[in-house]
């Protein structure tokens, strides 16, 4: 579509030129926006498209942040390699975790993901020698100047943020994406159609853990200092859930709209302190009660409009799944 290509080029052009006309404050705000958008897209891929509702994704944010600092400070690796290592370590640790978590279903799975994140937080907190325990650690960027680091962080945020949106869109237009939706709707029915449900869920869980680990490393490249309580805070996952629920679960556009709404609400609620979280939760509950499809769901239903269509025709889907068409 011509309009989609034009809009994409406009957004990419604006983001690419922002360091030329925007200040450091705007760049940092954009980095925060893109990291939250990436986290929300990954959580939506896990819960909205596959039905794996995790409330422990903060585990991979913490692992990614600490992996980056260890890679750069202790191993002397460059930042880019540290980001890649953060994603790999998160995926490596997610493999045995998935072996335990996938034995559970529904609410038991969700609660267990949070327990797993808490276990990792306690392990890091009690590692007083290497990880410095609750005192946390500070990223040493060496001879890299502040301006160069901020520009590098911004460039990485643009690439990672937009890349994750593109990855989710491309994945959901493949046979694997169709299989994930089938698993979400009915795992038993999907298995009866020949879909290897456990393998598909494992691959997806590892992908989301790795992506979240990379984003976690990016977050602490921006913040420089990490502590276990902050990195493994359930608040990270609460933000992801809020963004997806408000914007529209099971859509690519939903997390984008939800992230915009989250930033606007946060600005208005910033003076309420701790009450702001309660008010955000109240907004989410009201939305789930009266508009469970989210803001983008309302827009799509009213105007039949989509930016990232992922629907498949029945005949095509049957061919892709090697099923007889009817």
C-alpha atoms as a PDB file:
ATOM      1  CA  UNK A   1       0.000   0.000   0.000  1.00  0.00           C
ATOM      2  CA  UNK A   2       1.323   3.386  -1.034  1.00  0.00           C
ATOM      3  CA  UNK A   3       0.031   5.208   2.054  1.00  0.00           C
ATOM      4  CA  UNK A   4       1.625   2.638   4.370  1.00  0.00           C
ATOM      5  CA  UNK A   5       4.988   2.967   2.618  1.00  0.00           C
ATOM      6  CA  UNK A   6       4.762   6.768   2.760  1.00  0.00           C
ATOM      7  CA  UNK A   7       3.836   6.713   6.466  1.00  0.00           C
ATOM      8  CA  UNK A   8       6.677   4.293   7.245  1.00  0.00           C
ATOM      9  CA  UNK A   9       9.215   6.438   5.418  1.00  0.00           C
ATOM     10  CA  UNK A  10       7.924   9.548   7.206  1.00  0.00           C
ATOM     11  CA  UNK A  11       8.299   7.924  10.640  1.00  0.00           C
ATOM     12  CA  UNK A  12      11.739   6.506   9.853  1.00  0.00           C
ATOM     13  CA  UNK A  13      12.862   9.864   8.442  1.00  0.00           C
ATOM     14  CA  UNK A  14      11.630  11.722  11.528  1.00  0.00           C
ATOM     15  CA  UNK A  15      13.373   9.287  13.871  1.00  0.00           C
ATOM     16  CA  UNK A  16      16.597   9.328  11.845  1.00  0.00           C
ATOM     17  CA  UNK A  17      16.738  13.129  11.816  1.00  0.00           C
ATOM     18  CA  UNK A  18      15.646  13.653  15.438  1.00  0.00           C
ATOM     19  CA  UNK A  19      19.242  14.004  16.775  1.00  0.00           C
ATOM     20  CA  UNK A  20      19.662  16.974  14.404  1.00  0.00           C
ATOM     21  CA  UNK A  21      16.652  18.958  15.628  1.00  0.00           C
ATOM     22  CA  UNK A  22      15.760  17.422  18.992  1.00  0.00           C
ATOM     23  CA  UNK A  23      17.566  17.852  22.262  1.00  0.00           C
ATOM     24  CA  UNK A  24      18.970  15.181  24.564  1.00  0.00           C
ATOM     25  CA  UNK A  25      15.753  15.189  26.591  1.00  0.00           C
ATOM     26  CA  UNK A  26      13.609  14.372  23.560  1.00  0.00           C
ATOM     27  CA  UNK A  27      16.041  11.621  22.551  1.00  0.00           C
ATOM     28  CA  UNK A  28      15.876  10.033  26.008  1.00  0.00           C
ATOM     29  CA  UNK A  29      12.073  10.205  25.966  1.00  0.00           C
ATOM     30  CA  UNK A  30      12.030   8.570  22.524  1.00  0.00           C
ATOM     31  CA  UNK A  31      14.342   5.820  23.764  1.00  0.00           C
ATOM     32  CA  UNK A  32      11.984   5.159  26.667  1.00  0.00           C
ATOM     33  CA  UNK A  33       8.988   5.129  24.315  1.00  0.00           C
ATOM     34  CA  UNK A  34      10.635   2.675  21.912  1.00  0.00           C
ATOM     35  CA  UNK A  35      11.814   0.334  24.670  1.00  0.00           C
ATOM     36  CA  UNK A  36       8.336   0.178  26.229  1.00  0.00           C
ATOM     37  CA  UNK A  37       6.819  -0.339  22.788  1.00  0.00           C
ATOM     38  CA  UNK A  38       9.226  -3.216  22.109  1.00  0.00           C
ATOM     39  CA  UNK A  39       8.479  -4.817  25.488  1.00  0.00           C
ATOM     40  CA  UNK A  40       4.720  -4.485  24.915  1.00  0.00           C
ATOM     41  CA  UNK A  41       4.963  -6.004  21.429  1.00  0.00           C
ATOM     42  CA  UNK A  42       6.870  -9.002  22.786  1.00  0.00           C
ATOM     43  CA  UNK A  43       4.415  -9.505  25.657  1.00  0.00           C
ATOM     44  CA  UNK A  44       1.513  -9.202  23.208  1.00  0.00           C
ATOM     45  CA  UNK A  45       3.145 -11.798  20.962  1.00  0.00           C
ATOM     46  CA  UNK A  46       3.396 -14.129  23.934  1.00  0.00           C
ATOM     47  CA  UNK A  47      -0.029 -13.520  25.515  1.00  0.00           C
ATOM     48  CA  UNK A  48      -2.198 -11.933  22.834  1.00  0.00           C
ATOM     49  CA  UNK A  49      -1.249 -14.131  19.922  1.00  0.00           C
ATOM     50  CA  UNK A  50      -0.263 -17.369  21.689  1.00  0.00           C
ATOM     51  CA  UNK A  51      -2.192 -17.320  24.961  1.00  0.00           C
ATOM     52  CA  UNK A  52       0.882 -17.588  27.215  1.00  0.00           C
ATOM     53  CA  UNK A  53       0.053 -14.945  29.821  1.00  0.00           C
ATOM     54  CA  UNK A  54       3.297 -14.228  31.645  1.00  0.00           C
ATOM     55  CA  UNK A  55       3.612 -11.860  34.597  1.00  0.00           C
ATOM     56  CA  UNK A  56       7.308 -12.594  34.989  1.00  0.00           C
ATOM     57  CA  UNK A  57       8.844 -10.957  31.904  1.00  0.00           C
ATOM     58  CA  UNK A  58      10.814  -8.692  34.226  1.00  0.00           C
ATOM     59  CA  UNK A  59      13.096 -11.697  34.725  1.00  0.00           C
ATOM     60  CA  UNK A  60      14.562 -11.243  31.248  1.00  0.00           C
ATOM     61  CA  UNK A  61      14.852  -7.472  31.645  1.00  0.00           C
ATOM     62  CA  UNK A  62      16.987  -8.013  34.751  1.00  0.00           C
ATOM     63  CA  UNK A  63      19.025 -10.775  33.133  1.00  0.00           C
ATOM     64  CA  UNK A  64      19.606  -8.645  30.039  1.00  0.00           C
ATOM     65  CA  UNK A  65      20.693  -5.626  32.067  1.00  0.00           C
ATOM     66  CA  UNK A  66      23.113  -7.577  34.235  1.00  0.00           C
ATOM     67  CA  UNK A  67      24.448  -9.540  31.252  1.00  0.00           C
ATOM     68  CA  UNK A  68      25.318  -6.278  29.478  1.00  0.00           C
ATOM     69  CA  UNK A  69      27.153  -4.885  32.492  1.00  0.00           C
ATOM     70  CA  UNK A  70      29.085  -8.116  33.072  1.00  0.00           C
ATOM     71  CA  UNK A  71      29.962  -8.336  29.368  1.00  0.00           C
ATOM     72  CA  UNK A  72      31.206  -4.742  29.164  1.00  0.00           C
ATOM     73  CA  UNK A  73      32.688  -4.233  32.648  1.00  0.00           C
ATOM     74  CA  UNK A  74      34.126  -7.673  33.409  1.00  0.00           C
ATOM     75  CA  UNK A  75      34.759  -9.209  29.991  1.00  0.00           C
ATOM     76  CA  UNK A  76      35.713  -6.018  28.188  1.00  0.00           C
ATOM     77  CA  UNK A  77      33.352  -6.662  25.287  1.00  0.00           C
ATOM     78  CA  UNK A  78      32.018  -3.842  23.094  1.00  0.00           C
ATOM     79  CA  UNK A  79      28.485  -2.625  23.774  1.00  0.00           C
ATOM     80  CA  UNK A  80      26.968  -4.117  20.619  1.00  0.00           C
ATOM     81  CA  UNK A  81      28.363  -7.542  21.444  1.00  0.00           C
ATOM     82  CA  UNK A  82      27.142  -7.103  25.017  1.00  0.00           C
ATOM     83  CA  UNK A  83      23.595  -6.533  23.751  1.00  0.00           C
ATOM     84  CA  UNK A  84      23.755  -9.682  21.634  1.00  0.00           C
ATOM     85  CA  UNK A  85      25.147 -11.637  24.591  1.00  0.00           C
ATOM     86  CA  UNK A  86      22.301 -10.336  26.790  1.00  0.00           C
ATOM     87  CA  UNK A  87      19.746 -11.795  24.391  1.00  0.00           C
ATOM     88  CA  UNK A  88      21.614 -15.091  24.206  1.00  0.00           C
ATOM     89  CA  UNK A  89      21.933 -15.440  27.997  1.00  0.00           C
ATOM     90  CA  UNK A  90      18.229 -14.676  28.449  1.00  0.00           C
ATOM     91  CA  UNK A  91      17.333 -17.330  25.878  1.00  0.00           C
ATOM     92  CA  UNK A  92      19.741 -19.807  27.490  1.00  0.00           C
ATOM     93  CA  UNK A  93      18.162 -19.368  30.928  1.00  0.00           C
ATOM     94  CA  UNK A  94      14.649 -19.430  29.457  1.00  0.00           C
ATOM     95  CA  UNK A  95      15.214 -22.945  28.108  1.00  0.00           C
ATOM     96  CA  UNK A  96      15.211 -24.815  31.459  1.00  0.00           C
ATOM     97  CA  UNK A  97      12.602 -22.385  32.814  1.00  0.00           C
ATOM     98  CA  UNK A  98      10.258 -23.308  29.953  1.00  0.00           C
ATOM     99  CA  UNK A  99      10.727 -26.988  30.771  1.00  0.00           C
ATOM    100  CA  UNK A 100       9.162 -26.331  34.172  1.00  0.00           C
ATOM    101  CA  UNK A 101       6.647 -23.648  33.239  1.00  0.00           C
ATOM    102  CA  UNK A 102       5.091 -25.545  30.344  1.00  0.00           C
ATOM    103  CA  UNK A 103       3.990 -28.284  32.707  1.00  0.00           C
ATOM    104  CA  UNK A 104       1.460 -25.783  34.043  1.00  0.00           C
ATOM    105  CA  UNK A 105      -1.628 -24.205  32.494  1.00  0.00           C
ATOM    106  CA  UNK A 106      -3.629 -21.007  32.821  1.00  0.00           C
ATOM    107  CA  UNK A 107      -3.248 -19.083  36.064  1.00  0.00           C
ATOM    108  CA  UNK A 108      -0.701 -21.561  37.412  1.00  0.00           C
ATOM    109  CA  UNK A 109       1.573 -20.780  34.451  1.00  0.00           C
ATOM    110  CA  UNK A 110       1.181 -17.020  34.983  1.00  0.00           C
ATOM    111  CA  UNK A 111       1.911 -17.125  38.712  1.00  0.00           C
ATOM    112  CA  UNK A 112       4.891 -19.428  38.159  1.00  0.00           C
ATOM    113  CA  UNK A 113       6.491 -16.951  35.759  1.00  0.00           C
ATOM    114  CA  UNK A 114       6.346 -14.321  38.510  1.00  0.00           C
ATOM    115  CA  UNK A 115       7.822 -16.802  41.043  1.00  0.00           C
ATOM    116  CA  UNK A 116      10.655 -17.551  38.609  1.00  0.00           C
ATOM    117  CA  UNK A 117      11.416 -13.833  38.280  1.00  0.00           C
ATOM    118  CA  UNK A 118      11.461 -13.471  42.065  1.00  0.00           C
ATOM    119  CA  UNK A 119      13.857 -16.409  42.395  1.00  0.00           C
ATOM    120  CA  UNK A 120      16.234 -14.783  39.914  1.00  0.00           C
ATOM    121  CA  UNK A 121      15.974 -11.478  41.784  1.00  0.00           C
ATOM    122  CA  UNK A 122      16.860 -13.180  45.070  1.00  0.00           C
ATOM    123  CA  UNK A 123      19.786 -15.017  43.485  1.00  0.00           C
ATOM    124  CA  UNK A 124      21.218 -11.772  42.129  1.00  0.00           C
ATOM    125  CA  UNK A 125      20.552  -9.929  45.403  1.00  0.00           C
ATOM    126  CA  UNK A 126      22.417 -12.593  47.382  1.00  0.00           C
ATOM    127  CA  UNK A 127      25.374 -12.620  44.976  1.00  0.00           C
ATOM    128  CA  UNK A 128      27.212  -9.992  46.984  1.00  0.00           C
ATOM    129  CA  UNK A 129      30.655 -10.631  45.485  1.00  0.00           C
ATOM    130  CA  UNK A 130      30.160 -10.682  41.738  1.00  0.00           C
ATOM    131  CA  UNK A 131      26.822  -8.920  41.302  1.00  0.00           C
ATOM    132  CA  UNK A 132      27.336  -6.622  44.321  1.00  0.00           C
ATOM    133  CA  UNK A 133      23.974  -7.740  45.740  1.00  0.00           C
ATOM    134  CA  UNK A 134      21.351  -5.115  46.458  1.00  0.00           C
ATOM    135  CA  UNK A 135      23.871  -2.315  45.928  1.00  0.00           C
ATOM    136  CA  UNK A 136      23.713  -2.871  42.201  1.00  0.00           C
ATOM    137  CA  UNK A 137      26.292  -2.122  39.549  1.00  0.00           C
ATOM    138  CA  UNK A 138      27.153   0.762  37.220  1.00  0.00           C
ATOM    139  CA  UNK A 139      27.942   0.353  33.542  1.00  0.00           C
ATOM    140  CA  UNK A 140      31.449   1.505  32.670  1.00  0.00           C
ATOM    141  CA  UNK A 141      31.417   2.979  29.165  1.00  0.00           C
ATOM    142  CA  UNK A 142      35.158   3.640  29.241  1.00  0.00           C
ATOM    143  CA  UNK A 143      36.319   6.425  26.934  1.00  0.00           C
ATOM    144  CA  UNK A 144      32.891   6.736  25.333  1.00  0.00           C
ATOM    145  CA  UNK A 145      31.653  10.293  25.820  1.00  0.00           C
ATOM    146  CA  UNK A 146      28.181  11.005  27.141  1.00  0.00           C
ATOM    147  CA  UNK A 147      27.035  12.478  23.817  1.00  0.00           C
ATOM    148  CA  UNK A 148      28.314   9.479  21.864  1.00  0.00           C
ATOM    149  CA  UNK A 149      26.679   7.026  24.267  1.00  0.00           C
ATOM    150  CA  UNK A 150      23.349   8.832  24.082  1.00  0.00           C
ATOM    151  CA  UNK A 151      23.481   8.878  20.288  1.00  0.00           C
ATOM    152  CA  UNK A 152      24.403   5.176  20.187  1.00  0.00           C
ATOM    153  CA  UNK A 153      21.613   4.324  22.631  1.00  0.00           C
ATOM    154  CA  UNK A 154      19.111   6.275  20.567  1.00  0.00           C
ATOM    155  CA  UNK A 155      20.181   4.598  17.302  1.00  0.00           C
ATOM    156  CA  UNK A 156      19.947   1.148  18.904  1.00  0.00           C
ATOM    157  CA  UNK A 157      16.512   1.966  20.338  1.00  0.00           C
ATOM    158  CA  UNK A 158      15.224   2.948  16.890  1.00  0.00           C
ATOM    159  CA  UNK A 159      16.616  -0.189  15.249  1.00  0.00           C
ATOM    160  CA  UNK A 160      15.449  -2.545  18.017  1.00  0.00           C
ATOM    161  CA  UNK A 161      12.056  -0.906  18.546  1.00  0.00           C
ATOM    162  CA  UNK A 162      11.081  -0.750  14.886  1.00  0.00           C
ATOM    163  CA  UNK A 163      12.754  -4.104  14.236  1.00  0.00           C
ATOM    164  CA  UNK A 164      10.614  -5.885  16.838  1.00  0.00           C
ATOM    165  CA  UNK A 165       7.417  -4.391  15.386  1.00  0.00           C
ATOM    166  CA  UNK A 166       8.468  -5.577  11.920  1.00  0.00           C
ATOM    167  CA  UNK A 167       9.461  -9.006  13.280  1.00  0.00           C
ATOM    168  CA  UNK A 168       6.077  -9.534  14.947  1.00  0.00           C
ATOM    169  CA  UNK A 169       4.254  -8.480  11.791  1.00  0.00           C
ATOM    170  CA  UNK A 170       6.283 -10.784   9.566  1.00  0.00           C
ATOM    171  CA  UNK A 171       5.985 -13.707  11.999  1.00  0.00           C
ATOM    172  CA  UNK A 172       2.211 -13.419  12.252  1.00  0.00           C
ATOM    173  CA  UNK A 173       1.910 -13.573   8.458  1.00  0.00           C
ATOM    174  CA  UNK A 174       3.677 -16.926   8.279  1.00  0.00           C
ATOM    175  CA  UNK A 175       2.415 -20.466   8.885  1.00  0.00           C
ATOM    176  CA  UNK A 176       4.051 -20.333  12.308  1.00  0.00           C
ATOM    177  CA  UNK A 177       2.005 -17.266  13.203  1.00  0.00           C
ATOM    178  CA  UNK A 178      -1.173 -19.028  12.152  1.00  0.00           C
ATOM    179  CA  UNK A 179      -0.196 -22.033  14.260  1.00  0.00           C
ATOM    180  CA  UNK A 180       0.396 -19.798  17.297  1.00  0.00           C
ATOM    181  CA  UNK A 181      -3.091 -18.303  16.962  1.00  0.00           C
ATOM    182  CA  UNK A 182      -4.532 -21.819  16.690  1.00  0.00           C
ATOM    183  CA  UNK A 183      -2.735 -22.778  19.917  1.00  0.00           C
ATOM    184  CA  UNK A 184      -4.153 -19.712  21.655  1.00  0.00           C
ATOM    185  CA  UNK A 185      -7.709 -20.496  20.578  1.00  0.00           C
ATOM    186  CA  UNK A 186      -7.535 -24.212  21.444  1.00  0.00           C
ATOM    187  CA  UNK A 187      -4.313 -26.072  22.100  1.00  0.00           C
ATOM    188  CA  UNK A 188      -6.069 -29.432  21.939  1.00  0.00           C
ATOM    189  CA  UNK A 189      -7.677 -28.651  18.601  1.00  0.00           C
ATOM    190  CA  UNK A 190      -4.360 -27.321  17.257  1.00  0.00           C
ATOM    191  CA  UNK A 191      -2.606 -30.551  18.289  1.00  0.00           C
ATOM    192  CA  UNK A 192      -5.321 -32.616  16.567  1.00  0.00           C
ATOM    193  CA  UNK A 193      -4.516 -30.751  13.330  1.00  0.00           C
ATOM    194  CA  UNK A 194      -0.897 -31.851  13.512  1.00  0.00           C
ATOM    195  CA  UNK A 195       0.611 -28.695  15.027  1.00  0.00           C
ATOM    196  CA  UNK A 196       3.504 -29.449  17.376  1.00  0.00           C
ATOM    197  CA  UNK A 197       2.145 -27.241  20.118  1.00  0.00           C
ATOM    198  CA  UNK A 198       4.893 -27.725  22.696  1.00  0.00           C
ATOM    199  CA  UNK A 199       7.662 -27.032  20.220  1.00  0.00           C
ATOM    200  CA  UNK A 200       5.895 -23.945  18.848  1.00  0.00           C
ATOM    201  CA  UNK A 201       5.329 -22.548  22.346  1.00  0.00           C
ATOM    202  CA  UNK A 202       8.940 -23.239  23.284  1.00  0.00           C
ATOM    203  CA  UNK A 203      10.307 -21.435  20.229  1.00  0.00           C
ATOM    204  CA  UNK A 204       8.027 -18.474  20.859  1.00  0.00           C
ATOM    205  CA  UNK A 205       8.889 -18.305  24.564  1.00  0.00           C
ATOM    206  CA  UNK A 206      12.621 -18.377  23.801  1.00  0.00           C
ATOM    207  CA  UNK A 207      12.218 -15.695  21.137  1.00  0.00           C
ATOM    208  CA  UNK A 208      10.336 -13.384  23.521  1.00  0.00           C
ATOM    209  CA  UNK A 209      12.819 -14.022  26.349  1.00  0.00           C
ATOM    210  CA  UNK A 210      15.755 -13.223  24.058  1.00  0.00           C
ATOM    211  CA  UNK A 211      14.091 -10.087  22.686  1.00  0.00           C
ATOM    212  CA  UNK A 212      13.141  -8.906  26.174  1.00  0.00           C
ATOM    213  CA  UNK A 213      16.718  -9.537  27.343  1.00  0.00           C
ATOM    214  CA  UNK A 214      18.077  -7.345  24.539  1.00  0.00           C
ATOM    215  CA  UNK A 215      15.593  -4.590  25.369  1.00  0.00           C
ATOM    216  CA  UNK A 216      16.526  -4.927  29.056  1.00  0.00           C
ATOM    217  CA  UNK A 217      20.179  -4.426  28.150  1.00  0.00           C
ATOM    218  CA  UNK A 218      19.207  -1.364  26.105  1.00  0.00           C
ATOM    219  CA  UNK A 219      17.257   0.058  29.060  1.00  0.00           C
ATOM    220  CA  UNK A 220      20.300  -0.150  31.315  1.00  0.00           C
ATOM    221  CA  UNK A 221      22.601   1.143  28.622  1.00  0.00           C
ATOM    222  CA  UNK A 222      20.384   4.218  28.832  1.00  0.00           C
ATOM    223  CA  UNK A 223      20.149   4.285  32.652  1.00  0.00           C
ATOM    224  CA  UNK A 224      23.760   3.131  33.314  1.00  0.00           C
ATOM    225  CA  UNK A 225      23.020   1.868  36.847  1.00  0.00           C
ATOM    226  CA  UNK A 226      21.173  -1.330  37.735  1.00  0.00           C
ATOM    227  CA  UNK A 227      19.869  -2.795  41.015  1.00  0.00           C
ATOM    228  CA  UNK A 228      18.018  -6.113  41.505  1.00  0.00           C
ATOM    229  CA  UNK A 229      14.881  -4.514  42.930  1.00  0.00           C
ATOM    230  CA  UNK A 230      14.539  -2.156  39.977  1.00  0.00           C
ATOM    231  CA  UNK A 231      15.577  -4.541  37.204  1.00  0.00           C
ATOM    232  CA  UNK A 232      13.435  -7.465  38.397  1.00  0.00           C
ATOM    233  CA  UNK A 233      10.473  -5.314  39.448  1.00  0.00           C
ATOM    234  CA  UNK A 234       7.053  -6.650  38.458  1.00  0.00           C
ATOM    235  CA  UNK A 235       6.239  -3.065  37.528  1.00  0.00           C
ATOM    236  CA  UNK A 236       7.888  -3.692  34.142  1.00  0.00           C
ATOM    237  CA  UNK A 237       5.381  -6.414  33.306  1.00  0.00           C
ATOM    238  CA  UNK A 238       2.540  -4.327  34.769  1.00  0.00           C
ATOM    239  CA  UNK A 239       3.408  -1.588  32.278  1.00  0.00           C
ATOM    240  CA  UNK A 240       3.464  -4.113  29.416  1.00  0.00           C
ATOM    241  CA  UNK A 241       0.053  -5.486  30.386  1.00  0.00           C
ATOM    242  CA  UNK A 242      -1.441  -2.008  30.799  1.00  0.00           C
ATOM    243  CA  UNK A 243      -0.169  -0.877  27.393  1.00  0.00           C
ATOM    244  CA  UNK A 244      -1.455  -3.967  25.596  1.00  0.00           C
ATOM    245  CA  UNK A 245      -4.838  -4.036  27.364  1.00  0.00           C
ATOM    246  CA  UNK A 246      -5.470  -0.334  26.773  1.00  0.00           C
ATOM    247  CA  UNK A 247      -4.308  -0.402  23.159  1.00  0.00           C
ATOM    248  CA  UNK A 248      -5.804  -3.718  22.110  1.00  0.00           C
ATOM    249  CA  UNK A 249      -4.541  -7.228  22.787  1.00  0.00           C
ATOM    250  CA  UNK A 250      -3.885  -9.520  19.861  1.00  0.00           C
ATOM    251  CA  UNK A 251      -3.087  -6.695  17.431  1.00  0.00           C
ATOM    252  CA  UNK A 252       0.163  -5.080  16.348  1.00  0.00           C
ATOM    253  CA  UNK A 253      -1.361  -1.614  16.346  1.00  0.00           C
ATOM    254  CA  UNK A 254      -2.674  -2.021  19.914  1.00  0.00           C
ATOM    255  CA  UNK A 255       0.689  -1.768  21.714  1.00  0.00           C
ATOM    256  CA  UNK A 256       1.585   1.282  19.604  1.00  0.00           C
ATOM    257  CA  UNK A 257      -1.629   3.067  20.573  1.00  0.00           C
ATOM    258  CA  UNK A 258      -1.302   1.808  24.151  1.00  0.00           C
ATOM    259  CA  UNK A 259       2.241   3.144  24.508  1.00  0.00           C
ATOM    260  CA  UNK A 260       1.123   6.591  23.329  1.00  0.00           C
ATOM    261  CA  UNK A 261      -1.802   6.565  25.784  1.00  0.00           C
ATOM    262  CA  UNK A 262       0.477   5.347  28.590  1.00  0.00           C
ATOM    263  CA  UNK A 263       2.888   8.235  28.066  1.00  0.00           C
ATOM    264  CA  UNK A 264       0.062  10.771  27.989  1.00  0.00           C
ATOM    265  CA  UNK A 265      -1.572   9.373  31.148  1.00  0.00           C
ATOM    266  CA  UNK A 266       1.758   9.174  32.933  1.00  0.00           C
ATOM    267  CA  UNK A 267       2.361  12.841  32.231  1.00  0.00           C
ATOM    268  CA  UNK A 268      -1.027  13.823  33.709  1.00  0.00           C
ATOM    269  CA  UNK A 269      -0.703  11.451  36.678  1.00  0.00           C
ATOM    270  CA  UNK A 270       2.918  12.246  37.548  1.00  0.00           C
ATOM    271  CA  UNK A 271       1.870  14.539  40.415  1.00  0.00           C
ATOM    272  CA  UNK A 272      -0.035  11.739  42.173  1.00  0.00           C
ATOM    273  CA  UNK A 273       3.091   9.794  43.193  1.00  0.00           C
ATOM    274  CA  UNK A 274       2.355   6.185  44.170  1.00  0.00           C
ATOM    275  CA  UNK A 275      -1.338   6.763  43.509  1.00  0.00           C
ATOM    276  CA  UNK A 276      -0.543   7.033  39.810  1.00  0.00           C
ATOM    277  CA  UNK A 277      -0.095   3.247  39.605  1.00  0.00           C
ATOM    278  CA  UNK A 278      -3.485   2.708  41.259  1.00  0.00           C
ATOM    279  CA  UNK A 279      -5.098   5.137  38.841  1.00  0.00           C
ATOM    280  CA  UNK A 280      -3.459   3.420  35.864  1.00  0.00           C
ATOM    281  CA  UNK A 281      -4.762   0.097  37.151  1.00  0.00           C
ATOM    282  CA  UNK A 282      -8.252   1.562  37.511  1.00  0.00           C
ATOM    283  CA  UNK A 283      -8.148   2.772  33.904  1.00  0.00           C
ATOM    284  CA  UNK A 284      -7.109  -0.710  32.764  1.00  0.00           C
ATOM    285  CA  UNK A 285      -9.929  -2.376  34.737  1.00  0.00           C
ATOM    286  CA  UNK A 286     -12.523   0.029  33.327  1.00  0.00           C
ATOM    287  CA  UNK A 287     -11.237  -0.624  29.818  1.00  0.00           C
ATOM    288  CA  UNK A 288     -11.428  -4.403  30.293  1.00  0.00           C
ATOM    289  CA  UNK A 289     -14.988  -4.105  31.591  1.00  0.00           C
ATOM    290  CA  UNK A 290     -16.429  -1.809  28.930  1.00  0.00           C
ATOM    291  CA  UNK A 291     -14.080  -2.177  25.935  1.00  0.00           C
ATOM    292  CA  UNK A 292     -12.084  -5.412  26.243  1.00  0.00           C
ATOM    293  CA  UNK A 293     -10.901  -5.090  22.652  1.00  0.00           C
ATOM    294  CA  UNK A 294      -8.990  -1.919  23.567  1.00  0.00           C
ATOM    295  CA  UNK A 295      -8.823   1.445  21.849  1.00  0.00           C
ATOM    296  CA  UNK A 296      -7.532   0.029  18.578  1.00  0.00           C
ATOM    297  CA  UNK A 297     -10.223  -2.648  18.640  1.00  0.00           C
ATOM    298  CA  UNK A 298     -12.858   0.089  18.828  1.00  0.00           C
ATOM    299  CA  UNK A 299     -11.235   1.935  15.910  1.00  0.00           C
ATOM    300  CA  UNK A 300     -10.983  -1.222  13.835  1.00  0.00           C
ATOM    301  CA  UNK A 301     -14.596  -2.202  14.518  1.00  0.00           C
ATOM    302  CA  UNK A 302     -15.920   1.278  13.781  1.00  0.00           C
ATOM    303  CA  UNK A 303     -13.967   2.061  10.604  1.00  0.00           C
ATOM    304  CA  UNK A 304     -12.764  -1.396   9.459  1.00  0.00           C
ATOM    305  CA  UNK A 305      -9.224  -0.054   9.302  1.00  0.00           C
ATOM    306  CA  UNK A 306      -5.897  -1.806   9.871  1.00  0.00           C
ATOM    307  CA  UNK A 307      -2.290  -0.719   9.537  1.00  0.00           C
ATOM    308  CA  UNK A 308      -0.702  -4.158  10.004  1.00  0.00           C
ATOM    309  CA  UNK A 309      -3.199  -6.699   8.634  1.00  0.00           C
ATOM    310  CA  UNK A 310      -2.389 -10.278   9.561  1.00  0.00           C
ATOM    311  CA  UNK A 311      -5.682 -11.969   8.683  1.00  0.00           C
ATOM    312  CA  UNK A 312      -5.500 -14.961   6.393  1.00  0.00           C
ATOM    313  CA  UNK A 313      -7.977 -16.305   3.871  1.00  0.00           C
ATOM    314  CA  UNK A 314      -9.469 -19.653   4.771  1.00  0.00           C
ATOM    315  CA  UNK A 315      -8.363 -21.341   1.582  1.00  0.00           C
ATOM    316  CA  UNK A 316      -4.814 -20.032   1.892  1.00  0.00           C
ATOM    317  CA  UNK A 317      -4.623 -20.972   5.564  1.00  0.00           C
ATOM    318  CA  UNK A 318      -5.722 -24.512   4.802  1.00  0.00           C
ATOM    319  CA  UNK A 319      -3.010 -24.848   2.171  1.00  0.00           C
ATOM    320  CA  UNK A 320      -0.359 -23.440   4.512  1.00  0.00           C
ATOM    321  CA  UNK A 321      -1.359 -25.816   7.283  1.00  0.00           C
ATOM    322  CA  UNK A 322      -1.501 -28.740   4.822  1.00  0.00           C
ATOM    323  CA  UNK A 323      -5.193 -29.195   5.580  1.00  0.00           C
ATOM    324  CA  UNK A 324      -7.977 -29.854   3.118  1.00  0.00           C
ATOM    325  CA  UNK A 325      -9.898 -26.711   2.226  1.00  0.00           C
ATOM    326  CA  UNK A 326     -13.670 -26.705   2.486  1.00  0.00           C
END
